[in-house]
């Protein structure tokens, strides 16, 4: 299982990336929302990291899916093909959400798009009958297939759903993401990530604790990701046979010439 970060402080982005966390979601979606600020935050992650996945919050029902698709595609190029779209159906019912998700993905396909649905028509037809019958949505994403995670299940899409507790994880799917809150208590947090791994999660986005929790963990401030998450938690779920004595041993003294 890979561990990533749900962050609200931009100062944590680079330390999390340097610690080897697989991905970062910064900004509004970390507390349940997603709007233009989410795209701006994702752009900051894209430009301040090199290998880390950039998780982009996309809230349906706020814009035409074509517009949302264009924004995500631009971010995918900005990041060099590292985007994961975290799609929140918002207040849409299942039928409406399925239409929006389908149109989003069609816009990322690289094919000319024509869509007639209950909510959207592409092309819109507002310019009259002699306009083109299909629309080329640009830019095409850098990735061949943009990964999409949903914040709740949308029937008929077959997409991964971000679980909020281990009991909701599915071990029979290729990708099963989840979210969890860390406390800074090592035994609690080890048990937490181990439970998620045992439940079948493949990716876990963790929220770091408040400053007091980081201080209590022995890895205050920005050191939390490298000296706590990468040192103690990631080995528990990626190398189950890794002896804890190695993780818990004192770090070697810095060499000075």
C-alpha atoms as a PDB file:
ATOM      1  CA  UNK A   1       0.000   0.000   0.000  1.00  0.00           C
ATOM      2  CA  UNK A   2       1.257   3.472  -0.908  1.00  0.00           C
ATOM      3  CA  UNK A   3       0.899   6.400   1.462  1.00  0.00           C
ATOM      4  CA  UNK A   4       0.135   9.943   0.285  1.00  0.00           C
ATOM      5  CA  UNK A   5      -0.874  13.163   2.011  1.00  0.00           C
ATOM      6  CA  UNK A   6      -4.001  15.281   2.442  1.00  0.00           C
ATOM      7  CA  UNK A   7      -2.660  18.735   3.223  1.00  0.00           C
ATOM      8  CA  UNK A   8      -3.995  22.188   3.952  1.00  0.00           C
ATOM      9  CA  UNK A   9      -0.641  23.951   4.386  1.00  0.00           C
ATOM     10  CA  UNK A  10       1.407  24.560   1.245  1.00  0.00           C
ATOM     11  CA  UNK A  11       4.572  24.519   3.354  1.00  0.00           C
ATOM     12  CA  UNK A  12       4.077  20.767   3.826  1.00  0.00           C
ATOM     13  CA  UNK A  13       4.036  19.934   0.111  1.00  0.00           C
ATOM     14  CA  UNK A  14       7.773  19.793  -0.568  1.00  0.00           C
ATOM     15  CA  UNK A  15       8.646  17.914   2.668  1.00  0.00           C
ATOM     16  CA  UNK A  16       5.951  15.332   1.881  1.00  0.00           C
ATOM     17  CA  UNK A  17       7.266  14.900  -1.657  1.00  0.00           C
ATOM     18  CA  UNK A  18      10.870  14.627  -0.501  1.00  0.00           C
ATOM     19  CA  UNK A  19       9.830  11.933   1.977  1.00  0.00           C
ATOM     20  CA  UNK A  20       8.643   9.804  -0.952  1.00  0.00           C
ATOM     21  CA  UNK A  21       4.888  10.007  -0.417  1.00  0.00           C
ATOM     22  CA  UNK A  22       3.188   8.846  -3.591  1.00  0.00           C
ATOM     23  CA  UNK A  23       0.851  11.817  -3.985  1.00  0.00           C
ATOM     24  CA  UNK A  24      -0.402  15.062  -2.474  1.00  0.00           C
ATOM     25  CA  UNK A  25      -3.836  16.646  -2.365  1.00  0.00           C
ATOM     26  CA  UNK A  26      -3.554  20.246  -1.214  1.00  0.00           C
ATOM     27  CA  UNK A  27      -6.326  22.646  -0.389  1.00  0.00           C
ATOM     28  CA  UNK A  28     -10.106  22.650  -0.366  1.00  0.00           C
ATOM     29  CA  UNK A  29     -10.687  18.938  -1.024  1.00  0.00           C
ATOM     30  CA  UNK A  30      -8.742  18.133   2.126  1.00  0.00           C
ATOM     31  CA  UNK A  31     -11.737  19.444   4.070  1.00  0.00           C
ATOM     32  CA  UNK A  32     -14.400  18.248   1.692  1.00  0.00           C
ATOM     33  CA  UNK A  33     -14.753  21.064  -0.841  1.00  0.00           C
ATOM     34  CA  UNK A  34     -13.484  21.685  -4.319  1.00  0.00           C
ATOM     35  CA  UNK A  35     -13.558  24.852  -6.398  1.00  0.00           C
ATOM     36  CA  UNK A  36     -11.206  27.080  -8.356  1.00  0.00           C
ATOM     37  CA  UNK A  37      -8.935  27.250  -5.315  1.00  0.00           C
ATOM     38  CA  UNK A  38      -8.493  23.478  -5.609  1.00  0.00           C
ATOM     39  CA  UNK A  39      -7.086  23.824  -9.112  1.00  0.00           C
ATOM     40  CA  UNK A  40      -4.795  26.640  -8.007  1.00  0.00           C
ATOM     41  CA  UNK A  41      -3.527  24.522  -5.118  1.00  0.00           C
ATOM     42  CA  UNK A  42      -2.966  21.588  -7.465  1.00  0.00           C
ATOM     43  CA  UNK A  43      -0.944  23.865  -9.742  1.00  0.00           C
ATOM     44  CA  UNK A  44       1.266  24.742  -6.783  1.00  0.00           C
ATOM     45  CA  UNK A  45       1.852  21.054  -6.055  1.00  0.00           C
ATOM     46  CA  UNK A  46       2.645  20.446  -9.728  1.00  0.00           C
ATOM     47  CA  UNK A  47       5.229  23.210  -9.909  1.00  0.00           C
ATOM     48  CA  UNK A  48       6.973  22.491  -6.601  1.00  0.00           C
ATOM     49  CA  UNK A  49       7.365  18.717  -6.976  1.00  0.00           C
ATOM     50  CA  UNK A  50       8.855  16.450  -9.610  1.00  0.00           C
ATOM     51  CA  UNK A  51       7.687  12.841  -9.167  1.00  0.00           C
ATOM     52  CA  UNK A  52       4.783  13.069  -6.725  1.00  0.00           C
ATOM     53  CA  UNK A  53       1.283  12.436  -8.011  1.00  0.00           C
ATOM     54  CA  UNK A  54      -0.845  15.598  -8.102  1.00  0.00           C
ATOM     55  CA  UNK A  55      -4.358  14.905  -6.831  1.00  0.00           C
ATOM     56  CA  UNK A  56      -6.787  17.420  -8.309  1.00  0.00           C
ATOM     57  CA  UNK A  57     -10.205  17.990  -6.695  1.00  0.00           C
ATOM     58  CA  UNK A  58     -13.046  18.169  -9.223  1.00  0.00           C
ATOM     59  CA  UNK A  59     -16.512  18.990  -7.913  1.00  0.00           C
ATOM     60  CA  UNK A  60     -19.338  18.156 -10.270  1.00  0.00           C
ATOM     61  CA  UNK A  61     -22.324  20.447 -10.617  1.00  0.00           C
ATOM     62  CA  UNK A  62     -20.272  23.642 -10.454  1.00  0.00           C
ATOM     63  CA  UNK A  63     -19.194  23.965 -14.108  1.00  0.00           C
ATOM     64  CA  UNK A  64     -19.771  22.419 -17.510  1.00  0.00           C
ATOM     65  CA  UNK A  65     -17.786  19.130 -17.540  1.00  0.00           C
ATOM     66  CA  UNK A  66     -15.998  20.333 -20.685  1.00  0.00           C
ATOM     67  CA  UNK A  67     -14.605  23.287 -18.750  1.00  0.00           C
ATOM     68  CA  UNK A  68     -13.590  21.053 -15.842  1.00  0.00           C
ATOM     69  CA  UNK A  69     -11.931  18.614 -18.235  1.00  0.00           C
ATOM     70  CA  UNK A  70      -9.903  21.400 -19.835  1.00  0.00           C
ATOM     71  CA  UNK A  71      -8.676  22.603 -16.420  1.00  0.00           C
ATOM     72  CA  UNK A  72      -7.549  19.110 -15.432  1.00  0.00           C
ATOM     73  CA  UNK A  73      -5.850  18.557 -18.795  1.00  0.00           C
ATOM     74  CA  UNK A  74      -3.867  21.786 -18.385  1.00  0.00           C
ATOM     75  CA  UNK A  75      -2.764  20.645 -14.917  1.00  0.00           C
ATOM     76  CA  UNK A  76      -1.778  17.266 -16.348  1.00  0.00           C
ATOM     77  CA  UNK A  77       0.577  18.987 -18.784  1.00  0.00           C
ATOM     78  CA  UNK A  78       1.866  21.333 -16.095  1.00  0.00           C
ATOM     79  CA  UNK A  79       2.743  18.327 -13.928  1.00  0.00           C
ATOM     80  CA  UNK A  80       4.215  16.230 -16.722  1.00  0.00           C
ATOM     81  CA  UNK A  81       1.423  13.638 -16.609  1.00  0.00           C
ATOM     82  CA  UNK A  82       1.092  13.177 -12.831  1.00  0.00           C
ATOM     83  CA  UNK A  83      -2.558  14.122 -12.256  1.00  0.00           C
ATOM     84  CA  UNK A  84      -5.146  11.994 -10.477  1.00  0.00           C
ATOM     85  CA  UNK A  85      -8.638  13.517 -10.682  1.00  0.00           C
ATOM     86  CA  UNK A  86     -10.501  13.198  -7.359  1.00  0.00           C
ATOM     87  CA  UNK A  87     -14.093  13.676  -8.469  1.00  0.00           C
ATOM     88  CA  UNK A  88     -16.782  14.689  -5.980  1.00  0.00           C
ATOM     89  CA  UNK A  89     -20.325  14.198  -7.350  1.00  0.00           C
ATOM     90  CA  UNK A  90     -21.509  16.884  -4.932  1.00  0.00           C
ATOM     91  CA  UNK A  91     -25.276  17.244  -4.781  1.00  0.00           C
ATOM     92  CA  UNK A  92     -25.934  15.472  -8.088  1.00  0.00           C
ATOM     93  CA  UNK A  93     -28.028  12.343  -8.064  1.00  0.00           C
ATOM     94  CA  UNK A  94     -26.562   9.133  -9.467  1.00  0.00           C
ATOM     95  CA  UNK A  95     -27.956   9.608 -12.976  1.00  0.00           C
ATOM     96  CA  UNK A  96     -26.712  13.179 -13.285  1.00  0.00           C
ATOM     97  CA  UNK A  97     -23.329  12.308 -11.782  1.00  0.00           C
ATOM     98  CA  UNK A  98     -22.906   9.411 -14.219  1.00  0.00           C
ATOM     99  CA  UNK A  99     -23.566  11.755 -17.152  1.00  0.00           C
ATOM    100  CA  UNK A 100     -21.034  14.307 -15.902  1.00  0.00           C
ATOM    101  CA  UNK A 101     -18.360  11.672 -15.218  1.00  0.00           C
ATOM    102  CA  UNK A 102     -18.902  10.105 -18.632  1.00  0.00           C
ATOM    103  CA  UNK A 103     -18.609  13.475 -20.374  1.00  0.00           C
ATOM    104  CA  UNK A 104     -15.461  14.343 -18.395  1.00  0.00           C
ATOM    105  CA  UNK A 105     -13.764  11.139 -19.481  1.00  0.00           C
ATOM    106  CA  UNK A 106     -14.904  11.537 -23.076  1.00  0.00           C
ATOM    107  CA  UNK A 107     -13.243  14.963 -23.129  1.00  0.00           C
ATOM    108  CA  UNK A 108      -9.945  13.376 -22.033  1.00  0.00           C
ATOM    109  CA  UNK A 109     -10.048  10.671 -24.705  1.00  0.00           C
ATOM    110  CA  UNK A 110      -8.448  12.725 -27.487  1.00  0.00           C
ATOM    111  CA  UNK A 111     -11.411  11.993 -29.754  1.00  0.00           C
ATOM    112  CA  UNK A 112     -13.871  14.587 -31.088  1.00  0.00           C
ATOM    113  CA  UNK A 113     -16.746  14.818 -28.612  1.00  0.00           C
ATOM    114  CA  UNK A 114     -20.469  14.753 -29.321  1.00  0.00           C
ATOM    115  CA  UNK A 115     -22.847  14.391 -26.396  1.00  0.00           C
ATOM    116  CA  UNK A 116     -26.607  14.658 -25.987  1.00  0.00           C
ATOM    117  CA  UNK A 117     -27.808  14.091 -22.432  1.00  0.00           C
ATOM    118  CA  UNK A 118     -30.353  15.208 -19.890  1.00  0.00           C
ATOM    119  CA  UNK A 119     -27.969  17.841 -18.504  1.00  0.00           C
ATOM    120  CA  UNK A 120     -25.542  18.715 -21.272  1.00  0.00           C
ATOM    121  CA  UNK A 121     -25.301  19.015 -25.048  1.00  0.00           C
ATOM    122  CA  UNK A 122     -21.892  19.127 -26.735  1.00  0.00           C
ATOM    123  CA  UNK A 123     -21.709  21.042 -29.018  1.00  0.00           C
ATOM    124  CA  UNK A 124     -24.284  23.250 -27.325  1.00  0.00           C
ATOM    125  CA  UNK A 125     -26.077  24.160 -30.563  1.00  0.00           C
ATOM    126  CA  UNK A 126     -26.617  27.753 -29.465  1.00  0.00           C
ATOM    127  CA  UNK A 127     -24.889  29.101 -32.589  1.00  0.00           C
ATOM    128  CA  UNK A 128     -27.371  27.539 -34.986  1.00  0.00           C
ATOM    129  CA  UNK A 129     -27.758  24.394 -37.133  1.00  0.00           C
ATOM    130  CA  UNK A 130     -24.755  24.952 -39.413  1.00  0.00           C
ATOM    131  CA  UNK A 131     -22.125  24.607 -36.680  1.00  0.00           C
ATOM    132  CA  UNK A 132     -19.837  21.551 -36.353  1.00  0.00           C
ATOM    133  CA  UNK A 133     -21.417  18.384 -34.996  1.00  0.00           C
ATOM    134  CA  UNK A 134     -18.431  17.506 -32.792  1.00  0.00           C
ATOM    135  CA  UNK A 135     -16.024  19.430 -30.569  1.00  0.00           C
ATOM    136  CA  UNK A 136     -12.287  18.873 -30.149  1.00  0.00           C
ATOM    137  CA  UNK A 137     -11.496  19.506 -26.478  1.00  0.00           C
ATOM    138  CA  UNK A 138      -8.008  20.893 -25.978  1.00  0.00           C
ATOM    139  CA  UNK A 139      -5.489  20.326 -24.667  1.00  0.00           C
ATOM    140  CA  UNK A 140      -5.504  16.539 -24.674  1.00  0.00           C
ATOM    141  CA  UNK A 141      -4.066  15.335 -21.323  1.00  0.00           C
ATOM    142  CA  UNK A 142      -0.430  14.307 -21.166  1.00  0.00           C
ATOM    143  CA  UNK A 143      -1.492  10.884 -19.884  1.00  0.00           C
ATOM    144  CA  UNK A 144      -3.142   8.339 -22.127  1.00  0.00           C
ATOM    145  CA  UNK A 145      -5.680   7.627 -19.386  1.00  0.00           C
ATOM    146  CA  UNK A 146      -6.208  10.130 -16.551  1.00  0.00           C
ATOM    147  CA  UNK A 147      -6.839   8.211 -13.286  1.00  0.00           C
ATOM    148  CA  UNK A 148     -10.183   9.096 -11.699  1.00  0.00           C
ATOM    149  CA  UNK A 149     -11.130   8.463  -8.070  1.00  0.00           C
ATOM    150  CA  UNK A 150     -14.655   9.184  -6.847  1.00  0.00           C
ATOM    151  CA  UNK A 151     -15.544  10.456  -3.383  1.00  0.00           C
ATOM    152  CA  UNK A 152     -18.721   8.350  -3.505  1.00  0.00           C
ATOM    153  CA  UNK A 153     -19.867   5.526  -5.729  1.00  0.00           C
ATOM    154  CA  UNK A 154     -21.566   6.434  -8.998  1.00  0.00           C
ATOM    155  CA  UNK A 155     -23.335   3.390 -10.476  1.00  0.00           C
ATOM    156  CA  UNK A 156     -22.239   2.397 -13.938  1.00  0.00           C
ATOM    157  CA  UNK A 157     -18.852   4.140 -13.891  1.00  0.00           C
ATOM    158  CA  UNK A 158     -16.747   1.301 -12.474  1.00  0.00           C
ATOM    159  CA  UNK A 159     -14.308   3.807 -10.981  1.00  0.00           C
ATOM    160  CA  UNK A 160     -12.393   3.569  -7.685  1.00  0.00           C
ATOM    161  CA  UNK A 161     -14.166   5.075  -4.683  1.00  0.00           C
ATOM    162  CA  UNK A 162     -12.244   6.864  -1.936  1.00  0.00           C
ATOM    163  CA  UNK A 163     -13.062   4.950   1.260  1.00  0.00           C
ATOM    164  CA  UNK A 164     -13.138   6.688   4.637  1.00  0.00           C
ATOM    165  CA  UNK A 165     -12.830   3.586   6.814  1.00  0.00           C
ATOM    166  CA  UNK A 166     -11.167   0.191   6.317  1.00  0.00           C
ATOM    167  CA  UNK A 167     -14.507  -1.640   6.386  1.00  0.00           C
ATOM    168  CA  UNK A 168     -15.475   0.166   3.164  1.00  0.00           C
ATOM    169  CA  UNK A 169     -12.332  -0.931   1.286  1.00  0.00           C
ATOM    170  CA  UNK A 170     -12.622  -3.554  -1.430  1.00  0.00           C
ATOM    171  CA  UNK A 171      -9.875  -6.093  -1.945  1.00  0.00           C
ATOM    172  CA  UNK A 172     -11.333  -7.331  -5.240  1.00  0.00           C
ATOM    173  CA  UNK A 173     -10.548  -4.204  -7.290  1.00  0.00           C
ATOM    174  CA  UNK A 174      -7.313  -3.075  -8.916  1.00  0.00           C
ATOM    175  CA  UNK A 175      -7.208   0.305  -7.138  1.00  0.00           C
ATOM    176  CA  UNK A 176      -8.709   1.026  -3.720  1.00  0.00           C
ATOM    177  CA  UNK A 177      -7.840   4.435  -2.255  1.00  0.00           C
ATOM    178  CA  UNK A 178      -8.692   5.585   1.245  1.00  0.00           C
ATOM    179  CA  UNK A 179      -8.237   8.487   3.659  1.00  0.00           C
ATOM    180  CA  UNK A 180      -7.233   8.484   7.321  1.00  0.00           C
ATOM    181  CA  UNK A 181      -6.201  10.895  10.080  1.00  0.00           C
ATOM    182  CA  UNK A 182      -2.871  10.409  11.835  1.00  0.00           C
ATOM    183  CA  UNK A 183      -2.505  11.268  15.515  1.00  0.00           C
ATOM    184  CA  UNK A 184       1.248  11.268  16.102  1.00  0.00           C
ATOM    185  CA  UNK A 185       0.925   8.285  18.457  1.00  0.00           C
ATOM    186  CA  UNK A 186       3.158   5.679  16.823  1.00  0.00           C
ATOM    187  CA  UNK A 187       1.385   2.530  17.981  1.00  0.00           C
ATOM    188  CA  UNK A 188      -2.020   3.935  17.041  1.00  0.00           C
ATOM    189  CA  UNK A 189      -0.859   5.099  13.621  1.00  0.00           C
ATOM    190  CA  UNK A 190       0.951   1.830  12.885  1.00  0.00           C
ATOM    191  CA  UNK A 191      -2.208  -0.087  13.715  1.00  0.00           C
ATOM    192  CA  UNK A 192      -4.230   2.317  11.564  1.00  0.00           C
ATOM    193  CA  UNK A 193      -2.195   1.949   8.371  1.00  0.00           C
ATOM    194  CA  UNK A 194      -1.854  -1.815   8.931  1.00  0.00           C
ATOM    195  CA  UNK A 195      -5.638  -2.124   9.190  1.00  0.00           C
ATOM    196  CA  UNK A 196      -6.077  -0.277   5.909  1.00  0.00           C
ATOM    197  CA  UNK A 197      -3.513  -2.487   4.197  1.00  0.00           C
ATOM    198  CA  UNK A 198      -5.124  -5.654   5.546  1.00  0.00           C
ATOM    199  CA  UNK A 199      -8.525  -4.450   4.293  1.00  0.00           C
ATOM    200  CA  UNK A 200      -7.196  -4.241   0.732  1.00  0.00           C
ATOM    201  CA  UNK A 201      -6.401  -0.556   0.294  1.00  0.00           C
ATOM    202  CA  UNK A 202      -3.790   0.177  -2.373  1.00  0.00           C
ATOM    203  CA  UNK A 203      -3.365   3.905  -1.681  1.00  0.00           C
ATOM    204  CA  UNK A 204      -3.920   5.745   1.598  1.00  0.00           C
ATOM    205  CA  UNK A 205      -4.056   9.535   1.878  1.00  0.00           C
ATOM    206  CA  UNK A 206      -3.210  10.577   5.431  1.00  0.00           C
ATOM    207  CA  UNK A 207      -3.875  13.878   7.156  1.00  0.00           C
ATOM    208  CA  UNK A 208      -0.992  14.867   9.416  1.00  0.00           C
ATOM    209  CA  UNK A 209      -1.846  15.793  12.996  1.00  0.00           C
ATOM    210  CA  UNK A 210      -1.925  19.307  14.398  1.00  0.00           C
ATOM    211  CA  UNK A 211       1.412  20.805  15.453  1.00  0.00           C
ATOM    212  CA  UNK A 212       1.056  19.394  18.983  1.00  0.00           C
ATOM    213  CA  UNK A 213       0.628  15.894  17.564  1.00  0.00           C
ATOM    214  CA  UNK A 214       3.695  16.254  15.377  1.00  0.00           C
ATOM    215  CA  UNK A 215       5.683  17.491  18.366  1.00  0.00           C
ATOM    216  CA  UNK A 216       4.539  14.515  20.431  1.00  0.00           C
ATOM    217  CA  UNK A 217       5.603  12.137  17.661  1.00  0.00           C
ATOM    218  CA  UNK A 218       9.199  13.353  17.917  1.00  0.00           C
ATOM    219  CA  UNK A 219       9.084  14.694  14.365  1.00  0.00           C
ATOM    220  CA  UNK A 220       7.889  18.299  14.639  1.00  0.00           C
ATOM    221  CA  UNK A 221       6.915  20.550  11.781  1.00  0.00           C
ATOM    222  CA  UNK A 222       7.971  19.594   8.274  1.00  0.00           C
ATOM    223  CA  UNK A 223      10.183  16.734   9.541  1.00  0.00           C
ATOM    224  CA  UNK A 224       7.010  14.722  10.263  1.00  0.00           C
ATOM    225  CA  UNK A 225       6.821  13.249   6.770  1.00  0.00           C
ATOM    226  CA  UNK A 226      10.390  11.994   6.559  1.00  0.00           C
ATOM    227  CA  UNK A 227      11.125  11.105  10.179  1.00  0.00           C
ATOM    228  CA  UNK A 228       7.705   9.656  11.001  1.00  0.00           C
ATOM    229  CA  UNK A 229       5.599   8.677   7.977  1.00  0.00           C
ATOM    230  CA  UNK A 230       8.424   7.452   5.748  1.00  0.00           C
ATOM    231  CA  UNK A 231      10.501   5.992   8.562  1.00  0.00           C
ATOM    232  CA  UNK A 232       7.853   4.219  10.633  1.00  0.00           C
ATOM    233  CA  UNK A 233       4.575   3.896   8.721  1.00  0.00           C
ATOM    234  CA  UNK A 234       5.448   3.206   5.094  1.00  0.00           C
ATOM    235  CA  UNK A 235       7.669   0.202   5.943  1.00  0.00           C
ATOM    236  CA  UNK A 236       4.775  -1.357   7.881  1.00  0.00           C
ATOM    237  CA  UNK A 237       2.654  -1.635   4.743  1.00  0.00           C
ATOM    238  CA  UNK A 238       5.205  -1.932   1.940  1.00  0.00           C
ATOM    239  CA  UNK A 239       7.751  -4.250   3.614  1.00  0.00           C
ATOM    240  CA  UNK A 240       5.826  -6.284   6.223  1.00  0.00           C
ATOM    241  CA  UNK A 241       8.933  -8.314   7.055  1.00  0.00           C
ATOM    242  CA  UNK A 242      11.053  -5.229   7.612  1.00  0.00           C
ATOM    243  CA  UNK A 243      12.425  -5.459  11.166  1.00  0.00           C
ATOM    244  CA  UNK A 244      11.246  -2.566  13.306  1.00  0.00           C
ATOM    245  CA  UNK A 245      14.577  -2.483  15.068  1.00  0.00           C
ATOM    246  CA  UNK A 246      16.073  -1.012  11.893  1.00  0.00           C
ATOM    247  CA  UNK A 247      13.429   1.705  11.620  1.00  0.00           C
ATOM    248  CA  UNK A 248      13.689   2.528  15.308  1.00  0.00           C
ATOM    249  CA  UNK A 249      17.488   2.584  15.497  1.00  0.00           C
ATOM    250  CA  UNK A 250      19.188   5.935  15.868  1.00  0.00           C
ATOM    251  CA  UNK A 251      19.977   7.617  12.599  1.00  0.00           C
ATOM    252  CA  UNK A 252      23.673   7.599  11.719  1.00  0.00           C
ATOM    253  CA  UNK A 253      25.621  10.700  12.546  1.00  0.00           C
ATOM    254  CA  UNK A 254      26.163  13.104   9.676  1.00  0.00           C
ATOM    255  CA  UNK A 255      29.535  12.557   8.008  1.00  0.00           C
ATOM    256  CA  UNK A 256      31.809  15.561   7.949  1.00  0.00           C
ATOM    257  CA  UNK A 257      34.910  15.643   5.766  1.00  0.00           C
END
